[in-house]
């Protein structure tokens, strides 16, 4: 992982840029603006370091909702094992303790629309097949997102929910959620909070509340939008987090 703490003038420039962007947008990003959607790692020795970074385009940003689009072909950052092997290929028992690093890679699937309400301990992602055939919603349980001028940061909570057009749903990654606890990445109190968040999300699904009821599956991106570029300082520490 490349750190940013020793970049001196670069850190100062990033802080100045962060402040300038905050002032320009008054706390909200404009539609079409490009930001970073990032996750920080739980793993021993890497805790707090950015290990997932996805450049996205803002669809809408209000006091009630942040909606962003991750376009096909977007260059992202993802975690891999130290030898370059995909994380999911590591046996579950050592998946979260084996040495890791990060690599740049591209998102070659259909695009993903991500929706997040401030304070919710989850975000909702919409997936399509190629040709815009809607596939499913995906509820990603995670820390409520921290906003900074260049994007948002969160921590993934392993447990997820798939929701289908016929309104059926199912839990996902329960084995990884259990292993994360066994590996010490999540204490019992936090695990209880995640389960409670999952139950709350299921309540929204069963009631068919927002965003499932809002026809986001019919949304389409502006064809004029360019695919965002992954910046060199994708792992920079926001100014308000440097102390």
Foldseek 3Di string as FASTA:
>chain_A
DDADPPVVVVLVVLQVVQVVLCVVVVNWDDFLDKFKEWEFALAVPRGRFTQKIAIWTWHDTDLFKTKTKGAFFTKIKHKDAPVRHRLVVDPLLCSRHGHIDMDIDGRHFGMKMWMDTAPQQWIKIWDAHPVLHTFWIKTFGWHRWDDTSRGTYIHGQQKIKIAGPVLDIDIPRPSNNVSCCVVPSADPVRSVVSVVSVVVVVVCSVVCHPPNVVPPSPDDDDPPRDRDHCDPVSRYDHPVPPD
